[in-house]
C-alpha atoms as a PDB file:
ATOM      1  CA  MET A   1      93.478  82.552  99.128  1.00  0.00           C
ATOM      2  CA  GLN A   2      91.343  80.366 101.787  1.00  0.00           C
ATOM      3  CA  VAL A   3      89.150  81.129 104.261  1.00  0.00           C
ATOM      4  CA  ASP A   4      89.227  79.642 107.427  1.00  0.00           C
ATOM      5  CA  ASP A   5      86.308  78.321 110.115  1.00  0.00           C
ATOM      6  CA  ARG A   6      86.616  82.563 111.632  1.00  0.00           C
ATOM      7  CA  GLY A   7      86.174  84.247 108.191  1.00  0.00           C
ATOM      8  CA  GLN A   8      89.257  85.168 108.132  1.00  0.00           C
ATOM      9  CA  VAL A   9      91.012  85.027 104.323  1.00  0.00           C
ATOM     10  CA  ALA A  10      95.052  84.120 104.361  1.00  0.00           C
ATOM     11  CA  SER A  11      97.482  82.426 101.496  1.00  0.00           C
ATOM     12  CA  GLY A  12      98.004  79.353 101.088  1.00  0.00           C
ATOM     13  CA  PRO A  13     101.331  77.731  99.700  1.00  0.00           C
ATOM     14  CA  GLU A  14      99.553  76.394  96.544  1.00  0.00           C
ATOM     15  CA  ASN A  15      97.501  78.754  94.082  1.00  0.00           C
ATOM     16  CA  PRO A  16      94.271  77.024  93.779  1.00  0.00           C
ATOM     17  CA  MET A  17      94.350  77.832  89.629  1.00  0.00           C
ATOM     18  CA  VAL A  18      97.712  75.785  88.581  1.00  0.00           C
ATOM     19  CA  HIS A  19      95.137  72.463  89.672  1.00  0.00           C
ATOM     20  CA  VAL A  20      91.616  73.453  87.913  1.00  0.00           C
ATOM     21  CA  ALA A  21      91.573  71.391  84.345  1.00  0.00           C
ATOM     22  CA  ASN A  22      91.161  73.174  82.055  1.00  0.00           C
ATOM     23  CA  PRO A  23      87.649  72.411  80.055  1.00  0.00           C
ATOM     24  CA  LEU A  24      88.360  74.677  76.857  1.00  0.00           C
ATOM     25  CA  GLU A  25      89.440  72.824  73.805  1.00  0.00           C
ATOM     26  CA  ASN A  26      92.059  74.089  71.627  1.00  0.00           C
ATOM     27  CA  ILE A  27      94.465  76.267  74.869  1.00  0.00           C
ATOM     28  CA  GLN A  28      97.462  74.455  76.373  1.00  0.00           C
ATOM     29  CA  VAL A  29      98.196  75.757  79.001  1.00  0.00           C
ATOM     30  CA  THR A  30     101.659  76.276  80.767  1.00  0.00           C
ATOM     31  CA  SER A  31     101.480  77.326  84.438  1.00  0.00           C
ATOM     32  CA  LEU A  32     104.823  79.440  86.611  1.00  0.00           C
ATOM     33  CA  ASP A  33     104.356  78.964  90.066  1.00  0.00           C
ATOM     34  CA  PHE A  34     106.154  82.777  89.376  1.00  0.00           C
ATOM     35  CA  TYR A  35     105.171  84.764  93.046  1.00  0.00           C
ATOM     36  CA  ASN A  36     102.975  83.595  96.236  1.00  0.00           C
ATOM     37  CA  ILE A  37     102.609  87.072  98.323  1.00  0.00           C
ATOM     38  CA  PRO A  38      99.151  89.068  99.027  1.00  0.00           C
ATOM     39  CA  SER A  39      98.795  91.724  96.822  1.00  0.00           C
ATOM     40  CA  PRO A  40      99.278  95.189  99.090  1.00  0.00           C
ATOM     41  CA  HIS A  41     102.905  93.107  99.175  1.00  0.00           C
ATOM     42  CA  VAL A  42     103.839  93.584  95.699  1.00  0.00           C
ATOM     43  CA  SER A  43     106.014  96.388  94.451  1.00  0.00           C
ATOM     44  CA  PHE A  44     107.854  97.674  91.359  1.00  0.00           C
ATOM     45  CA  GLU A  45     110.552  94.654  91.430  1.00  0.00           C
ATOM     46  CA  HIS A  46     107.619  92.342  91.593  1.00  0.00           C
ATOM     47  CA  MET A  47     106.306  93.872  88.614  1.00  0.00           C
ATOM     48  CA  ILE A  48     109.363  94.037  86.618  1.00  0.00           C
ATOM     49  CA  GLY A  49     110.194  89.989  87.287  1.00  0.00           C
ATOM     50  CA  LEU A  50     106.573  89.626  85.668  1.00  0.00           C
ATOM     51  CA  TYR A  51     107.720  91.673  82.963  1.00  0.00           C
ATOM     52  CA  GLN A  52     111.179  90.145  82.475  1.00  0.00           C
ATOM     53  CA  VAL A  53     109.246  86.828  82.406  1.00  0.00           C
ATOM     54  CA  ILE A  54     106.729  88.108  79.747  1.00  0.00           C
ATOM     55  CA  ARG A  55     109.577  89.407  77.445  1.00  0.00           C
ATOM     56  CA  GLU A  56     111.913  85.818  78.342  1.00  0.00           C
ATOM     57  CA  ASN A  57     108.795  84.185  77.149  1.00  0.00           C
ATOM     58  CA  ALA A  58     106.967  86.622  74.016  1.00  0.00           C
ATOM     59  CA  GLU A  59     108.374  83.910  71.475  1.00  0.00           C
ATOM     60  CA  ASN A  60     107.282  80.599  73.162  1.00  0.00           C
ATOM     61  CA  TYR A  61     103.581  81.568  73.953  1.00  0.00           C
ATOM     62  CA  ASP A  62     100.107  82.800  71.869  1.00  0.00           C
ATOM     63  CA  GLY A  63      99.937  85.194  75.050  1.00  0.00           C
ATOM     64  CA  PHE A  64      99.855  85.354  78.835  1.00  0.00           C
ATOM     65  CA  VAL A  65      97.170  85.431  82.293  1.00  0.00           C
ATOM     66  CA  ILE A  66      98.122  86.817  85.378  1.00  0.00           C
ATOM     67  CA  THR A  67      96.054  85.130  88.053  1.00  0.00           C
ATOM     68  CA  HIS A  68      96.802  88.173  91.198  1.00  0.00           C
ATOM     69  CA  GLY A  69      95.426  89.563  94.536  1.00  0.00           C
ATOM     70  CA  THR A  70      92.245  92.310  93.329  1.00  0.00           C
ATOM     71  CA  ASP A  71      94.236  95.443  96.107  1.00  0.00           C
ATOM     72  CA  THR A  72      96.878  96.489  94.062  1.00  0.00           C
ATOM     73  CA  LEU A  73      96.185  94.562  90.661  1.00  0.00           C
ATOM     74  CA  GLU A  74      95.539  97.599  88.293  1.00  0.00           C
ATOM     75  CA  GLU A  75      98.707  99.249  89.757  1.00  0.00           C
ATOM     76  CA  THR A  76     100.342  95.941  87.931  1.00  0.00           C
ATOM     77  CA  ALA A  77      98.040  95.799  84.787  1.00  0.00           C
ATOM     78  CA  TYR A  78      99.157  99.493  84.100  1.00  0.00           C
ATOM     79  CA  PHE A  79     102.918  98.753  84.666  1.00  0.00           C
ATOM     80  CA  LEU A  80     103.433  96.803  82.582  1.00  0.00           C
ATOM     81  CA  ASP A  81     101.145  98.295  79.934  1.00  0.00           C
ATOM     82  CA  THR A  82     103.355 100.703  80.190  1.00  0.00           C
ATOM     83  CA  MET A  83     106.562  98.977  79.275  1.00  0.00           C
ATOM     84  CA  ALA A  84     107.388  97.097  76.094  1.00  0.00           C
ATOM     85  CA  ILE A  85     105.667  94.134  75.958  1.00  0.00           C
ATOM     86  CA  PRO A  86     105.407  92.425  73.321  1.00  0.00           C
ATOM     87  CA  LYS A  87     102.095  92.625  70.879  1.00  0.00           C
ATOM     88  CA  LYS A  88     100.323  88.762  72.504  1.00  0.00           C
ATOM     89  CA  PRO A  89      97.288  89.456  74.996  1.00  0.00           C
ATOM     90  CA  ILE A  90      97.972  89.398  78.217  1.00  0.00           C
ATOM     91  CA  VAL A  91      95.578  89.074  80.826  1.00  0.00           C
ATOM     92  CA  LEU A  92      95.368  89.292  84.627  1.00  0.00           C
ATOM     93  CA  THR A  93      92.504  88.456  86.452  1.00  0.00           C
ATOM     94  CA  GLY A  94      91.516  87.189  90.232  1.00  0.00           C
ATOM     95  CA  ALA A  95      88.519  86.980  92.393  1.00  0.00           C
ATOM     96  CA  MET A  96      86.831  88.553  95.363  1.00  0.00           C
ATOM     97  CA  ARG A  97      85.810  85.515  96.884  1.00  0.00           C
ATOM     98  CA  SER A  98      88.324  82.819  98.533  1.00  0.00           C
ATOM     99  CA  SER A  99      88.566  79.531  96.573  1.00  0.00           C
ATOM    100  CA  ASN A 100      87.202  77.495  99.509  1.00  0.00           C
ATOM    101  CA  GLU A 101      84.414  80.250  99.753  1.00  0.00           C
ATOM    102  CA  LEU A 102      80.276  79.832  98.911  1.00  0.00           C
ATOM    103  CA  GLY A 103      80.628  81.446  94.922  1.00  0.00           C
ATOM    104  CA  SER A 104      84.005  81.308  95.028  1.00  0.00           C
ATOM    105  CA  ASP A 105      84.475  83.216  91.177  1.00  0.00           C
ATOM    106  CA  GLY A 106      88.231  82.642  90.616  1.00  0.00           C
ATOM    107  CA  VAL A 107      87.847  79.554  88.767  1.00  0.00           C
ATOM    108  CA  TYR A 108      85.365  80.813  86.186  1.00  0.00           C
ATOM    109  CA  ASN A 109      87.027  84.570  86.354  1.00  0.00           C
ATOM    110  CA  TYR A 110      90.284  82.110  85.361  1.00  0.00           C
ATOM    111  CA  LEU A 111      88.855  80.362  82.568  1.00  0.00           C
ATOM    112  CA  SER A 112      87.394  83.352  81.324  1.00  0.00           C
ATOM    113  CA  ALA A 113      90.816  85.135  81.045  1.00  0.00           C
ATOM    114  CA  LEU A 114      92.304  82.563  78.754  1.00  0.00           C
ATOM    115  CA  ARG A 115      89.363  82.786  76.528  1.00  0.00           C
ATOM    116  CA  VAL A 116      90.491  86.065  76.162  1.00  0.00           C
ATOM    117  CA  ALA A 117      94.202  85.555  75.749  1.00  0.00           C
ATOM    118  CA  ALA A 118      93.840  82.323  73.515  1.00  0.00           C
ATOM    119  CA  ASP A 119      91.458  84.675  71.162  1.00  0.00           C
ATOM    120  CA  PRO A 120      92.975  86.479  68.142  1.00  0.00           C
ATOM    121  CA  LYS A 121      90.703  89.775  68.768  1.00  0.00           C
ATOM    122  CA  SER A 122      92.701  90.322  71.975  1.00  0.00           C
ATOM    123  CA  VAL A 123      96.093  90.664  69.946  1.00  0.00           C
ATOM    124  CA  ASP A 124      97.703  94.354  70.445  1.00  0.00           C
ATOM    125  CA  LYS A 125      95.388  95.624  72.860  1.00  0.00           C
ATOM    126  CA  GLY A 126      97.779  96.304  75.340  1.00  0.00           C
ATOM    127  CA  VAL A 127      97.196  94.963  78.892  1.00  0.00           C
ATOM    128  CA  LEU A 128      93.980  93.731  79.802  1.00  0.00           C
ATOM    129  CA  LEU A 129      91.959  92.809  82.919  1.00  0.00           C
ATOM    130  CA  VAL A 130      88.770  90.287  82.359  1.00  0.00           C
ATOM    131  CA  MET A 131      87.091  89.990  85.800  1.00  0.00           C
ATOM    132  CA  ASN A 132      82.846  89.579  86.285  1.00  0.00           C
ATOM    133  CA  ASP A 133      82.783  88.660  82.430  1.00  0.00           C
ATOM    134  CA  GLU A 134      84.374  92.043  81.035  1.00  0.00           C
ATOM    135  CA  ILE A 135      87.391  92.721  79.931  1.00  0.00           C
ATOM    136  CA  HIS A 136      88.945  96.410  80.774  1.00  0.00           C
ATOM    137  CA  THR A 137      91.888  98.376  79.365  1.00  0.00           C
ATOM    138  CA  ALA A 138      94.781  97.951  82.670  1.00  0.00           C
ATOM    139  CA  LYS A 139      94.558 102.117  81.693  1.00  0.00           C
ATOM    140  CA  PHE A 140      91.817 103.535  83.436  1.00  0.00           C
ATOM    141  CA  VAL A 141      90.285 100.227  85.197  1.00  0.00           C
ATOM    142  CA  THR A 142      90.064 100.070  88.901  1.00  0.00           C
ATOM    143  CA  LYS A 143      88.602  98.538  92.295  1.00  0.00           C
ATOM    144  CA  THR A 144      85.796  99.905  93.184  1.00  0.00           C
ATOM    145  CA  HIS A 145      83.963  97.697  96.159  1.00  0.00           C
ATOM    146  CA  THR A 146      86.000  96.244  99.206  1.00  0.00           C
ATOM    147  CA  THR A 147      84.166  92.784  98.472  1.00  0.00           C
ATOM    148  CA  ASN A 148      81.392  92.882  95.807  1.00  0.00           C
ATOM    149  CA  VAL A 149      81.905  90.641  92.429  1.00  0.00           C
ATOM    150  CA  SER A 150      82.012  93.192  90.121  1.00  0.00           C
ATOM    151  CA  THR A 151      84.389  95.581  91.721  1.00  0.00           C
ATOM    152  CA  PHE A 152      86.542  96.285  88.517  1.00  0.00           C
ATOM    153  CA  GLN A 153      85.122  99.267  86.876  1.00  0.00           C
ATOM    154  CA  THR A 154      86.032 101.458  84.040  1.00  0.00           C
ATOM    155  CA  PRO A 155      85.023 105.179  85.395  1.00  0.00           C
ATOM    156  CA  THR A 156      83.780 107.266  82.224  1.00  0.00           C
ATOM    157  CA  HIS A 157      84.658 104.977  79.371  1.00  0.00           C
ATOM    158  CA  GLY A 158      83.234 101.635  80.598  1.00  0.00           C
ATOM    159  CA  PRO A 159      84.451  97.825  79.985  1.00  0.00           C
ATOM    160  CA  ILE A 160      85.634  97.801  76.077  1.00  0.00           C
ATOM    161  CA  GLY A 161      84.499  93.965  75.912  1.00  0.00           C
ATOM    162  CA  LEU A 162      82.200  91.093  76.791  1.00  0.00           C
ATOM    163  CA  VAL A 163      82.899  87.221  77.416  1.00  0.00           C
ATOM    164  CA  THR A 164      79.902  85.684  76.367  1.00  0.00           C
ATOM    165  CA  LYS A 165      79.056  82.211  76.525  1.00  0.00           C
ATOM    166  CA  ARG A 166      79.513  82.138  72.619  1.00  0.00           C
ATOM    167  CA  GLU A 167      82.466  84.243  72.021  1.00  0.00           C
ATOM    168  CA  VAL A 168      84.548  87.075  73.583  1.00  0.00           C
ATOM    169  CA  LEU A 169      83.208  89.888  71.949  1.00  0.00           C
ATOM    170  CA  PHE A 170      85.425  93.648  71.343  1.00  0.00           C
ATOM    171  CA  PHE A 171      83.182  96.495  70.856  1.00  0.00           C
ATOM    172  CA  SER A 172      85.723  99.952  71.347  1.00  0.00           C
ATOM    173  CA  LYS A 173      89.786 100.327  70.589  1.00  0.00           C
ATOM    174  CA  THR A 174      92.525 100.587  72.577  1.00  0.00           C
ATOM    175  CA  GLY A 175      94.633 103.600  72.207  1.00  0.00           C
ATOM    176  CA  GLU A 176      98.131 104.272  71.063  1.00  0.00           C
ATOM    177  CA  ARG A 177     100.698 103.730  74.068  1.00  0.00           C
ATOM    178  CA  VAL A 178     104.286 105.144  74.957  1.00  0.00           C
ATOM    179  CA  ARG A 179     106.164 101.999  75.796  1.00  0.00           C
ATOM    180  CA  PHE A 180     109.647 101.805  78.108  1.00  0.00           C
ATOM    181  CA  HIS A 181     111.717  98.911  78.678  1.00  0.00           C
ATOM    182  CA  LEU A 182     113.558  99.335  82.671  1.00  0.00           C
ATOM    183  CA  GLU A 183     115.328  96.374  84.343  1.00  0.00           C
ATOM    184  CA  ASN A 184     114.296  99.005  87.624  1.00  0.00           C
ATOM    185  CA  ILE A 185     112.245 102.238  88.932  1.00  0.00           C
ATOM    186  CA  SER A 186     113.705 104.018  91.864  1.00  0.00           C
ATOM    187  CA  GLY A 187     112.074 106.883  93.029  1.00  0.00           C
ATOM    188  CA  ARG A 188     110.188 107.710  95.563  1.00  0.00           C
ATOM    189  CA  VAL A 189     106.507 109.615  95.060  1.00  0.00           C
ATOM    190  CA  PRO A 190     103.865 110.224  97.686  1.00  0.00           C
ATOM    191  CA  ILE A 191      99.987 111.103  97.074  1.00  0.00           C
ATOM    192  CA  ILE A 192      98.348 113.418  99.100  1.00  0.00           C
ATOM    193  CA  LYS A 193      94.260 113.808  98.549  1.00  0.00           C
ATOM    194  CA  ALA A 194      92.696 117.763  98.900  1.00  0.00           C
ATOM    195  CA  TYR A 195      89.796 118.132 101.195  1.00  0.00           C
ATOM    196  CA  ALA A 196      87.454 120.926 102.674  1.00  0.00           C
ATOM    197  CA  ASN A 197      89.501 123.423 105.309  1.00  0.00           C
ATOM    198  CA  MET A 198      92.329 121.064 104.116  1.00  0.00           C
ATOM    199  CA  ASP A 199      96.009 122.586 105.953  1.00  0.00           C
ATOM    200  CA  THR A 200      99.343 121.731 105.041  1.00  0.00           C
ATOM    201  CA  ILE A 201     100.843 120.039 107.757  1.00  0.00           C
ATOM    202  CA  LEU A 202     101.486 117.175 104.851  1.00  0.00           C
ATOM    203  CA  LEU A 203     102.845 119.363 102.714  1.00  0.00           C
ATOM    204  CA  ASP A 204     105.229 120.901 105.189  1.00  0.00           C
ATOM    205  CA  ALA A 205     106.887 118.107 105.421  1.00  0.00           C
ATOM    206  CA  LEU A 206     107.741 117.337 102.597  1.00  0.00           C
ATOM    207  CA  ASP A 207     111.189 117.664 101.835  1.00  0.00           C
ATOM    208  CA  ALA A 208     112.093 118.012  98.239  1.00  0.00           C
ATOM    209  CA  LYS A 209     115.152 116.720  98.161  1.00  0.00           C
ATOM    210  CA  THR A 210     114.474 113.450  99.608  1.00  0.00           C
ATOM    211  CA  ILE A 211     111.292 112.792  97.267  1.00  0.00           C
ATOM    212  CA  SER A 212     111.192 112.304  93.397  1.00  0.00           C
ATOM    213  CA  GLY A 213     107.440 114.484  92.634  1.00  0.00           C
ATOM    214  CA  LEU A 214     104.578 114.147  94.151  1.00  0.00           C
ATOM    215  CA  VAL A 215     100.750 112.953  93.480  1.00  0.00           C
ATOM    216  CA  ILE A 216      97.719 115.872  94.204  1.00  0.00           C
ATOM    217  CA  GLU A 217      94.202 114.163  94.314  1.00  0.00           C
ATOM    218  CA  ALA A 218      92.630 117.417  94.231  1.00  0.00           C
ATOM    219  CA  LEU A 219      88.811 118.388  94.411  1.00  0.00           C
ATOM    220  CA  GLY A 220      86.932 118.338  91.450  1.00  0.00           C
ATOM    221  CA  ALA A 221      88.524 119.544  87.605  1.00  0.00           C
ATOM    222  CA  GLY A 222      91.305 120.068  89.486  1.00  0.00           C
ATOM    223  CA  ASN A 223      91.339 123.000  92.039  1.00  0.00           C
ATOM    224  CA  LEU A 224      93.007 123.286  95.355  1.00  0.00           C
ATOM    225  CA  PRO A 225      91.814 124.867  98.567  1.00  0.00           C
ATOM    226  CA  PRO A 226      94.239 128.329  98.913  1.00  0.00           C
ATOM    227  CA  SER A 227      95.421 127.639 102.064  1.00  0.00           C
ATOM    228  CA  VAL A 228      98.492 125.799 101.210  1.00  0.00           C
ATOM    229  CA  LEU A 229      98.726 127.603  97.589  1.00  0.00           C
ATOM    230  CA  PRO A 230     102.156 128.671  99.201  1.00  0.00           C
ATOM    231  CA  SER A 231     103.925 124.994 100.406  1.00  0.00           C
ATOM    232  CA  LEU A 232     102.570 123.774  96.859  1.00  0.00           C
ATOM    233  CA  TYR A 233     104.158 126.060  95.047  1.00  0.00           C
ATOM    234  CA  ARG A 234     107.596 125.378  97.319  1.00  0.00           C
ATOM    235  CA  LEU A 235     107.285 122.328  95.385  1.00  0.00           C
ATOM    236  CA  THR A 236     106.189 123.094  91.816  1.00  0.00           C
ATOM    237  CA  LYS A 237     109.582 124.892  92.329  1.00  0.00           C
ATOM    238  CA  GLU A 238     111.905 122.253  93.125  1.00  0.00           C
ATOM    239  CA  LEU A 239     110.241 118.798  91.193  1.00  0.00           C
ATOM    240  CA  PRO A 240     107.595 117.663  88.968  1.00  0.00           C
ATOM    241  CA  VAL A 241     103.996 117.818  90.901  1.00  0.00           C
ATOM    242  CA  VAL A 242     101.480 115.696  89.129  1.00  0.00           C
ATOM    243  CA  LEU A 243      97.513 116.562  89.273  1.00  0.00           C
ATOM    244  CA  VAL A 244      94.142 114.831  88.898  1.00  0.00           C
ATOM    245  CA  SER A 245      90.938 114.449  90.086  1.00  0.00           C
ATOM    246  CA  ARG A 246      89.687 113.110  93.014  1.00  0.00           C
ATOM    247  CA  CYS A 247      85.998 112.085  91.382  1.00  0.00           C
ATOM    248  CA  PHE A 248      85.226 108.785  90.197  1.00  0.00           C
ATOM    249  CA  ASN A 249      84.764 109.836  86.261  1.00  0.00           C
ATOM    250  CA  GLY A 250      85.309 112.485  84.054  1.00  0.00           C
ATOM    251  CA  ILE A 251      88.361 115.078  83.211  1.00  0.00           C
ATOM    252  CA  ALA A 252      90.966 116.757  85.469  1.00  0.00           C
ATOM    253  CA  GLU A 253      91.344 119.679  83.562  1.00  0.00           C
ATOM    254  CA  PRO A 254      92.298 123.634  84.336  1.00  0.00           C
ATOM    255  CA  VAL A 255      89.258 125.966  83.554  1.00  0.00           C
ATOM    256  CA  TYR A 256      88.709 127.408  87.138  1.00  0.00           C
ATOM    257  CA  ALA A 257      90.180 130.814  87.477  1.00  0.00           C
ATOM    258  CA  TYR A 258      89.658 131.728  91.064  1.00  0.00           C
ATOM    259  CA  GLU A 259      92.322 131.578  93.881  1.00  0.00           C
ATOM    260  CA  GLY A 260      93.431 127.791  93.541  1.00  0.00           C
ATOM    261  CA  GLY A 261      91.530 126.779  90.548  1.00  0.00           C
ATOM    262  CA  GLY A 262      93.379 125.349  87.428  1.00  0.00           C
ATOM    263  CA  VAL A 263      94.035 127.536  86.103  1.00  0.00           C
ATOM    264  CA  GLN A 264      96.339 129.240  88.288  1.00  0.00           C
ATOM    265  CA  LEU A 265      97.367 125.583  89.368  1.00  0.00           C
ATOM    266  CA  GLU A 266      98.819 125.077  85.704  1.00  0.00           C
ATOM    267  CA  GLU A 267     100.534 128.601  85.569  1.00  0.00           C
ATOM    268  CA  ASN A 268     102.569 127.451  89.009  1.00  0.00           C
ATOM    269  CA  GLY A 269     103.575 124.412  86.825  1.00  0.00           C
ATOM    270  CA  VAL A 270     101.434 121.773  88.116  1.00  0.00           C
ATOM    271  CA  LEU A 271     100.517 118.606  85.701  1.00  0.00           C
ATOM    272  CA  PHE A 272      97.780 118.038  84.454  1.00  0.00           C
ATOM    273  CA  VAL A 273      96.855 113.838  84.247  1.00  0.00           C
ATOM    274  CA  LYS A 274      93.433 113.899  82.717  1.00  0.00           C
ATOM    275  CA  GLU A 275      92.052 110.403  83.878  1.00  0.00           C
ATOM    276  CA  LEU A 276      94.344 108.748  85.632  1.00  0.00           C
ATOM    277  CA  ASN A 277      93.826 107.651  89.337  1.00  0.00           C
ATOM    278  CA  ALA A 278      96.199 108.732  92.418  1.00  0.00           C
ATOM    279  CA  GLN A 279      98.177 105.525  92.472  1.00  0.00           C
ATOM    280  CA  LYS A 280      98.208 105.424  88.269  1.00  0.00           C
ATOM    281  CA  ALA A 281      99.560 109.225  88.101  1.00  0.00           C
ATOM    282  CA  ARG A 282     102.726 107.703  90.331  1.00  0.00           C
ATOM    283  CA  ILE A 283     103.333 105.375  88.683  1.00  0.00           C
ATOM    284  CA  LYS A 284     102.901 106.643  85.066  1.00  0.00           C
ATOM    285  CA  LEU A 285     105.684 109.614  87.165  1.00  0.00           C
ATOM    286  CA  LEU A 286     107.833 107.062  88.117  1.00  0.00           C
ATOM    287  CA  ILE A 287     108.375 105.590  84.998  1.00  0.00           C
ATOM    288  CA  ALA A 288     109.041 108.905  83.307  1.00  0.00           C
ATOM    289  CA  LEU A 289     111.595 109.848  85.571  1.00  0.00           C
ATOM    290  CA  ASN A 290     113.426 106.155  85.611  1.00  0.00           C
ATOM    291  CA  ALA A 291     113.370 106.743  81.230  1.00  0.00           C
ATOM    292  CA  GLY A 292     114.943 110.451  81.648  1.00  0.00           C
ATOM    293  CA  LEU A 293     111.666 111.903  80.628  1.00  0.00           C
ATOM    294  CA  GLU A 294     112.055 116.158  81.841  1.00  0.00           C
ATOM    295  CA  GLY A 295     111.725 119.518  80.832  1.00  0.00           C
ATOM    296  CA  GLN A 296     108.884 119.943  78.426  1.00  0.00           C
ATOM    297  CA  GLU A 297     109.594 116.707  77.003  1.00  0.00           C
ATOM    298  CA  LEU A 298     108.161 115.274  80.719  1.00  0.00           C
ATOM    299  CA  ALA A 299     105.402 117.510  80.529  1.00  0.00           C
ATOM    300  CA  ASP A 300     104.080 116.705  77.428  1.00  0.00           C
ATOM    301  CA  TYR A 301     103.988 112.870  78.590  1.00  0.00           C
ATOM    302  CA  ILE A 302     102.391 113.597  81.783  1.00  0.00           C
ATOM    303  CA  GLN A 303      99.800 115.191  80.000  1.00  0.00           C
ATOM    304  CA  GLY A 304      99.084 113.653  77.246  1.00  0.00           C
END
């Protein structure tokens, strides 16, 4: 990306990182200009393409760095982290300031990502995100600010490591993952956010025959206004409905027993995702459905 004299930002014909001199000793970099698109244009087809390139080249390289626009970076990272990736460092990074802006962070983040990908301690940690001297896991990291260079944060847990001047430092472990090998993703899963005085116009507009599932971004620990329950339960009888919290921190769990509370929602078939945000819960559900999970196996995976 580059900014023009009017302050407007657009993509250029080349990735500026391709021309960055590598000052890092003992790291040989091979550059593949795979896609050149703004991150809001990224689709499952692009994510599958990245996954296939990594698998095809797993034996040729010690690690992988993917430069990616920040808007959907967390979704690509989470998708790759759920696939059957090799046990080698896979690091995504990006920039919040364009390559020709004052204080551009792209080159620094790119070199930091190379350092992490080349470090033996990064092996078998799943997909990582490296920006602003911090190392985050793909599962929990999210973009929190529209323009700030410290935009990527991990709610509740925080980063799992730091990139210091001298070393790559990890201070917590990554959890086990259930991984899938998929060659395509199909299906439609919308996201609906809950709010005070919520009506049913969006839920009523959904036809269970034209969607594969639904993600509800619920209030608090996982609660909804009573007014939407009949419309919601119409859907839970026909397809998987997944619930996450709209809160930035904390766990979604069925603890409130009033009408519309999480206890009642769970009793009516709503599946609770503990810590993922809505966009990642959507990907998780689509991956599970494309992997053929159903019934209790689907519920265990979604709620695990």
